[in-house]
Amino acid sequence: MHELKIAQNLAGIVLEVASKEKLSEVTTVNIALGKMIHIVPDIFDFAFRECIRGTIASDASLNIEVLPVKTRCLGCHEESFTEESGFICRKCGSANLEIIQGKEIFVKSIEGE
């Protein structure tokens, strides 16, 4: 269950930013997770809630955007989303692809008062 470790890291980031910005309450946390991270949003939300329990972020809403997997063909440089073409280039048929989106995790914004 890697959701817990990522939730712990996110909670640390949120509380650090809240402290630096002198927030008395964190209201919303917006994050983006690549689909290849294989995070189950409900499990991640639960883990995050446990990590922020009793803090100024305990009532914050968590918005998760799941980013699709996007690839680039190393032969013809065609870019496509895997939901559309799988791991085969839709232009030239090559399987020699690099993943250019879908493995990232980042905080989009932290809102509070």
PDB file of N, CA and C in Angstrom:
ATOM      1  N   MET A   1       0.846  -1.184   0.000  1.00  0.00           N
ATOM      2  CA  MET A   1       0.000   0.000   0.000  1.00  0.00           C
ATOM      3  C   MET A   1       0.884   1.238   0.000  1.00  0.00           C
ATOM      4  N   HIS A   2       1.321   1.654  -1.171  1.00  0.00           N
ATOM      5  CA  HIS A   2       2.177   2.826  -1.270  1.00  0.00           C
ATOM      6  C   HIS A   2       1.400   4.129  -1.125  1.00  0.00           C
ATOM      7  N   GLU A   3       0.065   4.058  -1.107  1.00  0.00           N
ATOM      8  CA  GLU A   3      -0.753   5.247  -0.892  1.00  0.00           C
ATOM      9  C   GLU A   3      -0.398   5.916   0.433  1.00  0.00           C
ATOM     10  N   LEU A   4      -0.135   5.133   1.474  1.00  0.00           N
ATOM     11  CA  LEU A   4       0.162   5.693   2.788  1.00  0.00           C
ATOM     12  C   LEU A   4       1.442   6.518   2.764  1.00  0.00           C
ATOM     13  N   LYS A   5       2.492   6.008   2.169  1.00  0.00           N
ATOM     14  CA  LYS A   5       3.770   6.746   2.125  1.00  0.00           C
ATOM     15  C   LYS A   5       3.613   8.050   1.352  1.00  0.00           C
ATOM     16  N   ILE A   6       2.911   8.004   0.223  1.00  0.00           N
ATOM     17  CA  ILE A   6       2.702   9.214  -0.570  1.00  0.00           C
ATOM     18  C   ILE A   6       1.817  10.191   0.198  1.00  0.00           C
ATOM     19  N   ALA A   7       0.803   9.680   0.903  1.00  0.00           N
ATOM     20  CA  ALA A   7      -0.072  10.539   1.711  1.00  0.00           C
ATOM     21  C   ALA A   7       0.712  11.200   2.844  1.00  0.00           C
ATOM     22  N   GLN A   8       1.632  10.473   3.465  1.00  0.00           N
ATOM     23  CA  GLN A   8       2.474  11.052   4.517  1.00  0.00           C
ATOM     24  C   GLN A   8       3.336  12.181   3.956  1.00  0.00           C
ATOM     25  N   ASN A   9       3.924  11.951   2.786  1.00  0.00           N
ATOM     26  CA  ASN A   9       4.740  12.992   2.158  1.00  0.00           C
ATOM     27  C   ASN A   9       3.904  14.211   1.805  1.00  0.00           C
ATOM     28  N   LEU A  10       2.701  13.983   1.260  1.00  0.00           N
ATOM     29  CA  LEU A  10       1.817  15.091   0.921  1.00  0.00           C
ATOM     30  C   LEU A  10       1.422  15.872   2.160  1.00  0.00           C
ATOM     31  N   ALA A  11       1.078  15.186   3.223  1.00  0.00           N
ATOM     32  CA  ALA A  11       0.704  15.861   4.474  1.00  0.00           C
ATOM     33  C   ALA A  11       1.848  16.739   4.964  1.00  0.00           C
ATOM     34  N   GLY A  12       3.070  16.238   4.893  1.00  0.00           N
ATOM     35  CA  GLY A  12       4.235  17.034   5.291  1.00  0.00           C
ATOM     36  C   GLY A  12       4.387  18.284   4.451  1.00  0.00           C
ATOM     37  N   ILE A  13       4.196  18.156   3.141  1.00  0.00           N
ATOM     38  CA  ILE A  13       4.289  19.314   2.241  1.00  0.00           C
ATOM     39  C   ILE A  13       3.204  20.329   2.568  1.00  0.00           C
ATOM     40  N   VAL A  14       1.981  19.848   2.732  1.00  0.00           N
ATOM     41  CA  VAL A  14       0.851  20.744   3.021  1.00  0.00           C
ATOM     42  C   VAL A  14       1.092  21.510   4.309  1.00  0.00           C
ATOM     43  N   LEU A  15       1.513  20.821   5.354  1.00  0.00           N
ATOM     44  CA  LEU A  15       1.724  21.492   6.636  1.00  0.00           C
ATOM     45  C   LEU A  15       2.917  22.440   6.593  1.00  0.00           C
ATOM     46  N   GLU A  16       3.940  22.096   5.839  1.00  0.00           N
ATOM     47  CA  GLU A  16       5.097  22.978   5.692  1.00  0.00           C
ATOM     48  C   GLU A  16       4.698  24.260   4.958  1.00  0.00           C
ATOM     49  N   VAL A  17       3.967  24.131   3.876  1.00  0.00           N
ATOM     50  CA  VAL A  17       3.515  25.310   3.128  1.00  0.00           C
ATOM     51  C   VAL A  17       2.588  26.157   3.992  1.00  0.00           C
ATOM     52  N   ALA A  18       1.679  25.519   4.711  1.00  0.00           N
ATOM     53  CA  ALA A  18       0.752  26.250   5.574  1.00  0.00           C
ATOM     54  C   ALA A  18       1.503  27.055   6.631  1.00  0.00           C
ATOM     55  N   SER A  19       2.544  26.465   7.178  1.00  0.00           N
ATOM     56  CA  SER A  19       3.358  27.164   8.174  1.00  0.00           C
ATOM     57  C   SER A  19       4.087  28.356   7.555  1.00  0.00           C
ATOM     58  N   LYS A  20       4.710  28.140   6.400  1.00  0.00           N
ATOM     59  CA  LYS A  20       5.435  29.227   5.716  1.00  0.00           C
ATOM     60  C   LYS A  20       4.517  30.368   5.336  1.00  0.00           C
ATOM     61  N   GLU A  21       3.288  30.039   4.934  1.00  0.00           N
ATOM     62  CA  GLU A  21       2.327  31.053   4.500  1.00  0.00           C
ATOM     63  C   GLU A  21       1.493  31.599   5.660  1.00  0.00           C
ATOM     64  N   LYS A  22       1.772  31.102   6.859  1.00  0.00           N
ATOM     65  CA  LYS A  22       1.086  31.529   8.073  1.00  0.00           C
ATOM     66  C   LYS A  22      -0.440  31.333   7.978  1.00  0.00           C
ATOM     67  N   LEU A  23      -0.838  30.182   7.468  1.00  0.00           N
ATOM     68  CA  LEU A  23      -2.248  29.850   7.366  1.00  0.00           C
ATOM     69  C   LEU A  23      -2.755  29.325   8.706  1.00  0.00           C
ATOM     70  N   SER A  24      -3.972  29.688   9.047  1.00  0.00           N
ATOM     71  CA  SER A  24      -4.577  29.149  10.263  1.00  0.00           C
ATOM     72  C   SER A  24      -5.411  27.911   9.959  1.00  0.00           C
ATOM     73  N   GLU A  25      -5.744  27.743   8.675  1.00  0.00           N
ATOM     74  CA  GLU A  25      -6.520  26.585   8.248  1.00  0.00           C
ATOM     75  C   GLU A  25      -6.244  26.304   6.773  1.00  0.00           C
ATOM     76  N   VAL A  26      -6.079  25.046   6.441  1.00  0.00           N
ATOM     77  CA  VAL A  26      -5.977  24.626   5.042  1.00  0.00           C
ATOM     78  C   VAL A  26      -7.362  24.152   4.636  1.00  0.00           C
ATOM     79  N   THR A  27      -7.887  24.723   3.536  1.00  0.00           N
ATOM     80  CA  THR A  27      -9.247  24.392   3.110  1.00  0.00           C
ATOM     81  C   THR A  27      -9.289  23.414   1.940  1.00  0.00           C
ATOM     82  N   THR A  28      -8.316  23.510   1.029  1.00  0.00           N
ATOM     83  CA  THR A  28      -8.330  22.671  -0.166  1.00  0.00           C
ATOM     84  C   THR A  28      -6.908  22.306  -0.579  1.00  0.00           C
ATOM     85  N   VAL A  29      -6.729  21.066  -0.972  1.00  0.00           N
ATOM     86  CA  VAL A  29      -5.456  20.593  -1.519  1.00  0.00           C
ATOM     87  C   VAL A  29      -5.771  19.982  -2.884  1.00  0.00           C
ATOM     88  N   ASN A  30      -5.118  20.491  -3.917  1.00  0.00           N
ATOM     89  CA  ASN A  30      -5.311  19.999  -5.280  1.00  0.00           C
ATOM     90  C   ASN A  30      -4.025  19.331  -5.747  1.00  0.00           C
ATOM     91  N   ILE A  31      -4.134  18.066  -6.144  1.00  0.00           N
ATOM     92  CA  ILE A  31      -2.954  17.330  -6.584  1.00  0.00           C
ATOM     93  C   ILE A  31      -3.221  16.671  -7.937  1.00  0.00           C
ATOM     94  N   ALA A  32      -2.146  16.321  -8.613  1.00  0.00           N
ATOM     95  CA  ALA A  32      -2.223  15.562  -9.862  1.00  0.00           C
ATOM     96  C   ALA A  32      -1.360  14.314  -9.700  1.00  0.00           C
ATOM     97  N   LEU A  33      -1.922  13.191 -10.097  1.00  0.00           N
ATOM     98  CA  LEU A  33      -1.228  11.900 -10.016  1.00  0.00           C
ATOM     99  C   LEU A  33      -1.277  11.243 -11.390  1.00  0.00           C
ATOM    100  N   GLY A  34      -0.138  10.811 -11.872  1.00  0.00           N
ATOM    101  CA  GLY A  34      -0.110  10.070 -13.126  1.00  0.00           C
ATOM    102  C   GLY A  34      -0.754   8.704 -12.958  1.00  0.00           C
ATOM    103  N   LYS A  35      -1.435   8.260 -13.983  1.00  0.00           N
ATOM    104  CA  LYS A  35      -2.144   6.980 -13.937  1.00  0.00           C
ATOM    105  C   LYS A  35      -1.215   5.802 -13.651  1.00  0.00           C
ATOM    106  N   MET A  36       0.045   5.886 -14.080  1.00  0.00           N
ATOM    107  CA  MET A  36       0.978   4.777 -13.873  1.00  0.00           C
ATOM    108  C   MET A  36       1.479   4.680 -12.434  1.00  0.00           C
ATOM    109  N   ILE A  37       1.150   5.658 -11.610  1.00  0.00           N
ATOM    110  CA  ILE A  37       1.499   5.582 -10.189  1.00  0.00           C
ATOM    111  C   ILE A  37       0.634   4.521  -9.512  1.00  0.00           C
ATOM    112  N   HIS A  38      -0.505   4.212 -10.117  1.00  0.00           N
ATOM    113  CA  HIS A  38      -1.428   3.190  -9.630  1.00  0.00           C
ATOM    114  C   HIS A  38      -1.934   3.488  -8.219  1.00  0.00           C
ATOM    115  N   ILE A  39      -2.368   4.722  -8.027  1.00  0.00           N
ATOM    116  CA  ILE A  39      -2.970   5.132  -6.765  1.00  0.00           C
ATOM    117  C   ILE A  39      -4.472   4.869  -6.854  1.00  0.00           C
ATOM    118  N   VAL A  40      -5.027   4.263  -5.828  1.00  0.00           N
ATOM    119  CA  VAL A  40      -6.476   4.117  -5.727  1.00  0.00           C
ATOM    120  C   VAL A  40      -6.967   5.359  -4.989  1.00  0.00           C
ATOM    121  N   PRO A  41      -7.686   6.259  -5.683  1.00  0.00           N
ATOM    122  CA  PRO A  41      -8.067   7.542  -5.071  1.00  0.00           C
ATOM    123  C   PRO A  41      -8.753   7.424  -3.716  1.00  0.00           C
ATOM    124  N   ASP A  42      -9.676   6.478  -3.531  1.00  0.00           N
ATOM    125  CA  ASP A  42     -10.367   6.352  -2.245  1.00  0.00           C
ATOM    126  C   ASP A  42      -9.416   5.942  -1.125  1.00  0.00           C
ATOM    127  N   ILE A  43      -8.512   5.024  -1.426  1.00  0.00           N
ATOM    128  CA  ILE A  43      -7.530   4.599  -0.423  1.00  0.00           C
ATOM    129  C   ILE A  43      -6.586   5.757  -0.107  1.00  0.00           C
ATOM    130  N   PHE A  44      -6.159   6.484  -1.155  1.00  0.00           N
ATOM    131  CA  PHE A  44      -5.270   7.622  -0.944  1.00  0.00           C
ATOM    132  C   PHE A  44      -5.952   8.696  -0.105  1.00  0.00           C
ATOM    133  N   ASP A  45      -7.212   8.989  -0.391  1.00  0.00           N
ATOM    134  CA  ASP A  45      -7.960   9.988   0.374  1.00  0.00           C
ATOM    135  C   ASP A  45      -8.037   9.580   1.844  1.00  0.00           C
ATOM    136  N   PHE A  46      -8.331   8.315   2.099  1.00  0.00           N
ATOM    137  CA  PHE A  46      -8.400   7.821   3.471  1.00  0.00           C
ATOM    138  C   PHE A  46      -7.044   7.964   4.170  1.00  0.00           C
ATOM    139  N   ALA A  47      -5.984   7.565   3.493  1.00  0.00           N
ATOM    140  CA  ALA A  47      -4.639   7.662   4.084  1.00  0.00           C
ATOM    141  C   ALA A  47      -4.270   9.110   4.367  1.00  0.00           C
ATOM    142  N   PHE A  48      -4.588  10.007   3.434  1.00  0.00           N
ATOM    143  CA  PHE A  48      -4.295  11.429   3.639  1.00  0.00           C
ATOM    144  C   PHE A  48      -5.065  11.964   4.842  1.00  0.00           C
ATOM    145  N   ARG A  49      -6.333  11.584   4.976  1.00  0.00           N
ATOM    146  CA  ARG A  49      -7.153  12.031   6.119  1.00  0.00           C
ATOM    147  C   ARG A  49      -6.508  11.597   7.440  1.00  0.00           C
ATOM    148  N   GLU A  50      -5.994  10.368   7.462  1.00  0.00           N
ATOM    149  CA  GLU A  50      -5.343   9.885   8.675  1.00  0.00           C
ATOM    150  C   GLU A  50      -4.074  10.687   8.981  1.00  0.00           C
ATOM    151  N   CYS A  51      -3.347  11.062   7.945  1.00  0.00           N
ATOM    152  CA  CYS A  51      -2.087  11.787   8.125  1.00  0.00           C
ATOM    153  C   CYS A  51      -2.287  13.223   8.581  1.00  0.00           C
ATOM    154  N   ILE A  52      -3.430  13.804   8.267  1.00  0.00           N
ATOM    155  CA  ILE A  52      -3.666  15.209   8.642  1.00  0.00           C
ATOM    156  C   ILE A  52      -4.620  15.348   9.825  1.00  0.00           C
ATOM    157  N   ARG A  53      -5.045  14.224  10.370  1.00  0.00           N
ATOM    158  CA  ARG A  53      -5.961  14.268  11.521  1.00  0.00           C
ATOM    159  C   ARG A  53      -5.342  15.103  12.658  1.00  0.00           C
ATOM    160  N   GLY A  54      -6.145  16.013  13.218  1.00  0.00           N
ATOM    161  CA  GLY A  54      -5.691  16.824  14.342  1.00  0.00           C
ATOM    162  C   GLY A  54      -4.801  17.992  13.957  1.00  0.00           C
ATOM    163  N   THR A  55      -4.659  18.269  12.665  1.00  0.00           N
ATOM    164  CA  THR A  55      -3.837  19.394  12.213  1.00  0.00           C
ATOM    165  C   THR A  55      -4.733  20.498  11.630  1.00  0.00           C
ATOM    166  N   ILE A  56      -4.126  21.596  11.214  1.00  0.00           N
ATOM    167  CA  ILE A  56      -4.898  22.691  10.617  1.00  0.00           C
ATOM    168  C   ILE A  56      -5.445  22.317   9.244  1.00  0.00           C
ATOM    169  N   ALA A  57      -5.075  21.161   8.739  1.00  0.00           N
ATOM    170  CA  ALA A  57      -5.570  20.696   7.440  1.00  0.00           C
ATOM    171  C   ALA A  57      -6.621  19.591   7.580  1.00  0.00           C
ATOM    172  N   SER A  58      -7.037  19.298   8.803  1.00  0.00           N
ATOM    173  CA  SER A  58      -7.906  18.137   9.025  1.00  0.00           C
ATOM    174  C   SER A  58      -9.247  18.216   8.305  1.00  0.00           C
ATOM    175  N   ASP A  59      -9.730  19.400   8.001  1.00  0.00           N
ATOM    176  CA  ASP A  59     -11.011  19.530   7.298  1.00  0.00           C
ATOM    177  C   ASP A  59     -10.840  19.889   5.823  1.00  0.00           C
ATOM    178  N   ALA A  60      -9.630  19.856   5.323  1.00  0.00           N
ATOM    179  CA  ALA A  60      -9.365  20.247   3.931  1.00  0.00           C
ATOM    180  C   ALA A  60      -9.969  19.241   2.958  1.00  0.00           C
ATOM    181  N   SER A  61     -10.484  19.768   1.857  1.00  0.00           N
ATOM    182  CA  SER A  61     -10.932  18.861   0.799  1.00  0.00           C
ATOM    183  C   SER A  61      -9.718  18.516  -0.061  1.00  0.00           C
ATOM    184  N   LEU A  62      -9.696  17.290  -0.535  1.00  0.00           N
ATOM    185  CA  LEU A  62      -8.602  16.803  -1.372  1.00  0.00           C
ATOM    186  C   LEU A  62      -9.153  16.534  -2.761  1.00  0.00           C
ATOM    187  N   ASN A  63      -8.639  17.256  -3.736  1.00  0.00           N
ATOM    188  CA  ASN A  63      -9.050  17.066  -5.125  1.00  0.00           C
ATOM    189  C   ASN A  63      -7.914  16.382  -5.873  1.00  0.00           C
ATOM    190  N   ILE A  64      -8.225  15.236  -6.464  1.00  0.00           N
ATOM    191  CA  ILE A  64      -7.220  14.437  -7.158  1.00  0.00           C
ATOM    192  C   ILE A  64      -7.525  14.418  -8.650  1.00  0.00           C
ATOM    193  N   GLU A  65      -6.578  14.888  -9.432  1.00  0.00           N
ATOM    194  CA  GLU A  65      -6.680  14.788 -10.883  1.00  0.00           C
ATOM    195  C   GLU A  65      -5.775  13.636 -11.316  1.00  0.00           C
ATOM    196  N   VAL A  66      -6.332  12.668 -12.006  1.00  0.00           N
ATOM    197  CA  VAL A  66      -5.540  11.541 -12.500  1.00  0.00           C
ATOM    198  C   VAL A  66      -5.155  11.851 -13.942  1.00  0.00           C
ATOM    199  N   LEU A  67      -3.848  11.936 -14.186  1.00  0.00           N
ATOM    200  CA  LEU A  67      -3.332  12.265 -15.514  1.00  0.00           C
ATOM    201  C   LEU A  67      -3.164  11.004 -16.347  1.00  0.00           C
ATOM    202  N   PRO A  68      -3.653  11.014 -17.573  1.00  0.00           N
ATOM    203  CA  PRO A  68      -3.519   9.828 -18.427  1.00  0.00           C
ATOM    204  C   PRO A  68      -2.065   9.607 -18.847  1.00  0.00           C
ATOM    205  N   VAL A  69      -1.798   8.398 -19.300  1.00  0.00           N
ATOM    206  CA  VAL A  69      -0.466   8.061 -19.787  1.00  0.00           C
ATOM    207  C   VAL A  69      -0.325   8.567 -21.220  1.00  0.00           C
ATOM    208  N   LYS A  70       0.734   9.333 -21.441  1.00  0.00           N
ATOM    209  CA  LYS A  70       1.015   9.870 -22.774  1.00  0.00           C
ATOM    210  C   LYS A  70       2.400   9.380 -23.184  1.00  0.00           C
ATOM    211  N   THR A  71       2.509   8.942 -24.431  1.00  0.00           N
ATOM    212  CA  THR A  71       3.787   8.421 -24.927  1.00  0.00           C
ATOM    213  C   THR A  71       4.256   9.203 -26.153  1.00  0.00           C
ATOM    214  N   ARG A  72       5.563   9.070 -26.420  1.00  0.00           N
ATOM    215  CA  ARG A  72       6.159   9.642 -27.631  1.00  0.00           C
ATOM    216  C   ARG A  72       6.940   8.532 -28.315  1.00  0.00           C
ATOM    217  N   CYS A  73       6.690   8.374 -29.608  1.00  0.00           N
ATOM    218  CA  CYS A  73       7.408   7.379 -30.395  1.00  0.00           C
ATOM    219  C   CYS A  73       8.840   7.863 -30.606  1.00  0.00           C
ATOM    220  N   LEU A  74       9.798   7.004 -30.328  1.00  0.00           N
ATOM    221  CA  LEU A  74      11.200   7.382 -30.513  1.00  0.00           C
ATOM    222  C   LEU A  74      11.613   7.308 -31.978  1.00  0.00           C
ATOM    223  N   GLY A  75      10.757   6.714 -32.811  1.00  0.00           N
ATOM    224  CA  GLY A  75      11.040   6.630 -34.243  1.00  0.00           C
ATOM    225  C   GLY A  75      10.509   7.837 -35.005  1.00  0.00           C
ATOM    226  N   CYS A  76       9.191   8.053 -34.917  1.00  0.00           N
ATOM    227  CA  CYS A  76       8.578   9.126 -35.720  1.00  0.00           C
ATOM    228  C   CYS A  76       8.172  10.344 -34.886  1.00  0.00           C
ATOM    229  N   HIS A  77       8.334  10.276 -33.562  1.00  0.00           N
ATOM    230  CA  HIS A  77       8.059  11.374 -32.628  1.00  0.00           C
ATOM    231  C   HIS A  77       6.577  11.687 -32.450  1.00  0.00           C
ATOM    232  N   GLU A  78       5.691  10.801 -32.882  1.00  0.00           N
ATOM    233  CA  GLU A  78       4.245  10.962 -32.676  1.00  0.00           C
ATOM    234  C   GLU A  78       3.941  10.841 -31.185  1.00  0.00           C
ATOM    235  N   GLU A  79       3.105  11.731 -30.667  1.00  0.00           N
ATOM    236  CA  GLU A  79       2.674  11.667 -29.282  1.00  0.00           C
ATOM    237  C   GLU A  79       1.224  11.208 -29.237  1.00  0.00           C
ATOM    238  N   SER A  80       0.904  10.331 -28.275  1.00  0.00           N
ATOM    239  CA  SER A  80      -0.472   9.873 -28.128  1.00  0.00           C
ATOM    240  C   SER A  80      -0.718   9.394 -26.705  1.00  0.00           C
ATOM    241  N   PHE A  81      -1.991   9.318 -26.354  1.00  0.00           N
ATOM    242  CA  PHE A  81      -2.397   8.799 -25.048  1.00  0.00           C
ATOM    243  C   PHE A  81      -2.616   7.295 -25.177  1.00  0.00           C
ATOM    244  N   THR A  82      -2.206   6.538 -24.160  1.00  0.00           N
ATOM    245  CA  THR A  82      -2.274   5.079 -24.260  1.00  0.00           C
ATOM    246  C   THR A  82      -3.694   4.572 -24.352  1.00  0.00           C
ATOM    247  N   GLU A  83      -4.669   5.296 -23.799  1.00  0.00           N
ATOM    248  CA  GLU A  83      -6.056   4.859 -23.889  1.00  0.00           C
ATOM    249  C   GLU A  83      -6.496   4.791 -25.355  1.00  0.00           C
ATOM    250  N   GLU A  84      -5.872   5.617 -26.178  1.00  0.00           N
ATOM    251  CA  GLU A  84      -6.223   5.671 -27.597  1.00  0.00           C
ATOM    252  C   GLU A  84      -5.483   4.607 -28.415  1.00  0.00           C
ATOM    253  N   SER A  85      -4.218   4.356 -28.081  1.00  0.00           N
ATOM    254  CA  SER A  85      -3.409   3.515 -28.960  1.00  0.00           C
ATOM    255  C   SER A  85      -2.661   2.376 -28.267  1.00  0.00           C
ATOM    256  N   GLY A  86      -2.795   2.227 -26.979  1.00  0.00           N
ATOM    257  CA  GLY A  86      -2.004   1.232 -26.271  1.00  0.00           C
ATOM    258  C   GLY A  86      -0.537   1.638 -26.302  1.00  0.00           C
ATOM    259  N   PHE A  87       0.365   0.703 -26.159  1.00  0.00           N
ATOM    260  CA  PHE A  87       1.787   1.026 -26.181  1.00  0.00           C
ATOM    261  C   PHE A  87       2.394   0.736 -27.555  1.00  0.00           C
ATOM    262  N   ILE A  88       1.645   1.092 -28.568  1.00  0.00           N
ATOM    263  CA  ILE A  88       2.086   0.990 -29.955  1.00  0.00           C
ATOM    264  C   ILE A  88       1.838   2.344 -30.608  1.00  0.00           C
ATOM    265  N   CYS A  89       2.794   2.835 -31.361  1.00  0.00           N
ATOM    266  CA  CYS A  89       2.626   4.114 -32.052  1.00  0.00           C
ATOM    267  C   CYS A  89       1.496   3.998 -33.074  1.00  0.00           C
ATOM    268  N   ARG A  90       0.549   4.887 -32.983  1.00  0.00           N
ATOM    269  CA  ARG A  90      -0.597   4.834 -33.907  1.00  0.00           C
ATOM    270  C   ARG A  90      -0.228   5.307 -35.306  1.00  0.00           C
ATOM    271  N   LYS A  91       0.918   6.005 -35.427  1.00  0.00           N
ATOM    272  CA  LYS A  91       1.331   6.517 -36.733  1.00  0.00           C
ATOM    273  C   LYS A  91       2.185   5.501 -37.497  1.00  0.00           C
ATOM    274  N   CYS A  92       3.217   4.946 -36.817  1.00  0.00           N
ATOM    275  CA  CYS A  92       4.137   4.052 -37.541  1.00  0.00           C
ATOM    276  C   CYS A  92       4.117   2.602 -37.055  1.00  0.00           C
ATOM    277  N   GLY A  93       3.397   2.314 -35.960  1.00  0.00           N
ATOM    278  CA  GLY A  93       3.288   0.950 -35.460  1.00  0.00           C
ATOM    279  C   GLY A  93       4.432   0.489 -34.569  1.00  0.00           C
ATOM    280  N   SER A  94       5.391   1.362 -34.279  1.00  0.00           N
ATOM    281  CA  SER A  94       6.533   1.001 -33.445  1.00  0.00           C
ATOM    282  C   SER A  94       6.116   0.824 -31.986  1.00  0.00           C
ATOM    283  N   ALA A  95       6.819  -0.056 -31.296  1.00  0.00           N
ATOM    284  CA  ALA A  95       6.631  -0.216 -29.857  1.00  0.00           C
ATOM    285  C   ALA A  95       7.762   0.470 -29.090  1.00  0.00           C
ATOM    286  N   ASN A  96       8.603   1.217 -29.776  1.00  0.00           N
ATOM    287  CA  ASN A  96       9.732   1.914 -29.176  1.00  0.00           C
ATOM    288  C   ASN A  96       9.257   3.295 -28.717  1.00  0.00           C
ATOM    289  N   LEU A  97       8.622   3.305 -27.530  1.00  0.00           N
ATOM    290  CA  LEU A  97       7.998   4.512 -27.008  1.00  0.00           C
ATOM    291  C   LEU A  97       8.622   4.928 -25.693  1.00  0.00           C
ATOM    292  N   GLU A  98       8.555   6.232 -25.425  1.00  0.00           N
ATOM    293  CA  GLU A  98       8.929   6.724 -24.100  1.00  0.00           C
ATOM    294  C   GLU A  98       7.680   7.313 -23.462  1.00  0.00           C
ATOM    295  N   ILE A  99       7.568   7.153 -22.166  1.00  0.00           N
ATOM    296  CA  ILE A  99       6.428   7.705 -21.437  1.00  0.00           C
ATOM    297  C   ILE A  99       6.776   9.139 -21.071  1.00  0.00           C
ATOM    298  N   ILE A 100       5.952  10.080 -21.514  1.00  0.00           N
ATOM    299  CA  ILE A 100       6.211  11.493 -21.240  1.00  0.00           C
ATOM    300  C   ILE A 100       5.211  12.085 -20.250  1.00  0.00           C
ATOM    301  N   GLN A 101       4.187  11.353 -19.909  1.00  0.00           N
ATOM    302  CA  GLN A 101       3.231  11.777 -18.889  1.00  0.00           C
ATOM    303  C   GLN A 101       2.568  10.536 -18.323  1.00  0.00           C
ATOM    304  N   GLY A 102       2.319  10.592 -17.020  1.00  0.00           N
ATOM    305  CA  GLY A 102       1.598   9.497 -16.393  1.00  0.00           C
ATOM    306  C   GLY A 102       2.319   8.866 -15.220  1.00  0.00           C
ATOM    307  N   LYS A 103       3.562   9.313 -14.946  1.00  0.00           N
ATOM    308  CA  LYS A 103       4.333   8.782 -13.819  1.00  0.00           C
ATOM    309  C   LYS A 103       4.587   9.842 -12.747  1.00  0.00           C
ATOM    310  N   GLU A 104       4.003  11.030 -12.912  1.00  0.00           N
ATOM    311  CA  GLU A 104       4.306  12.132 -12.015  1.00  0.00           C
ATOM    312  C   GLU A 104       3.315  12.245 -10.856  1.00  0.00           C
ATOM    313  N   ILE A 105       3.761  12.914  -9.824  1.00  0.00           N
ATOM    314  CA  ILE A 105       2.931  13.287  -8.682  1.00  0.00           C
ATOM    315  C   ILE A 105       3.315  14.730  -8.360  1.00  0.00           C
ATOM    316  N   PHE A 106       2.328  15.621  -8.313  1.00  0.00           N
ATOM    317  CA  PHE A 106       2.655  16.977  -7.904  1.00  0.00           C
ATOM    318  C   PHE A 106       1.464  17.675  -7.266  1.00  0.00           C
ATOM    319  N   VAL A 107       1.793  18.645  -6.416  1.00  0.00           N
ATOM    320  CA  VAL A 107       0.790  19.472  -5.776  1.00  0.00           C
ATOM    321  C   VAL A 107       0.497  20.630  -6.711  1.00  0.00           C
ATOM    322  N   LYS A 108      -0.756  20.762  -7.093  1.00  0.00           N
ATOM    323  CA  LYS A 108      -1.163  21.843  -7.981  1.00  0.00           C
ATOM    324  C   LYS A 108      -1.376  23.127  -7.175  1.00  0.00           C
ATOM    325  N   SER A 109      -2.051  22.996  -6.023  1.00  0.00           N
ATOM    326  CA  SER A 109      -2.265  24.170  -5.178  1.00  0.00           C
ATOM    327  C   SER A 109      -2.701  23.744  -3.783  1.00  0.00           C
ATOM    328  N   ILE A 110      -2.441  24.633  -2.847  1.00  0.00           N
ATOM    329  CA  ILE A 110      -2.879  24.478  -1.467  1.00  0.00           C
ATOM    330  C   ILE A 110      -3.595  25.779  -1.101  1.00  0.00           C
ATOM    331  N   GLU A 111      -4.838  25.667  -0.680  1.00  0.00           N
ATOM    332  CA  GLU A 111      -5.626  26.850  -0.366  1.00  0.00           C
ATOM    333  C   GLU A 111      -5.948  26.865   1.116  1.00  0.00           C
ATOM    334  N   GLY A 112      -6.050  28.072   1.660  1.00  0.00           N
ATOM    335  CA  GLY A 112      -6.378  28.193   3.066  1.00  0.00           C
ATOM    336  C   GLY A 112      -6.603  29.623   3.478  1.00  0.00           C
ATOM    337  N   GLU A 113      -6.781  29.792   4.752  1.00  0.00           N
ATOM    338  CA  GLU A 113      -7.041  31.124   5.318  1.00  0.00           C
ATOM    339  C   GLU A 113      -6.016  31.440   6.391  1.00  0.00           C
TER     340      GLU A 113
END
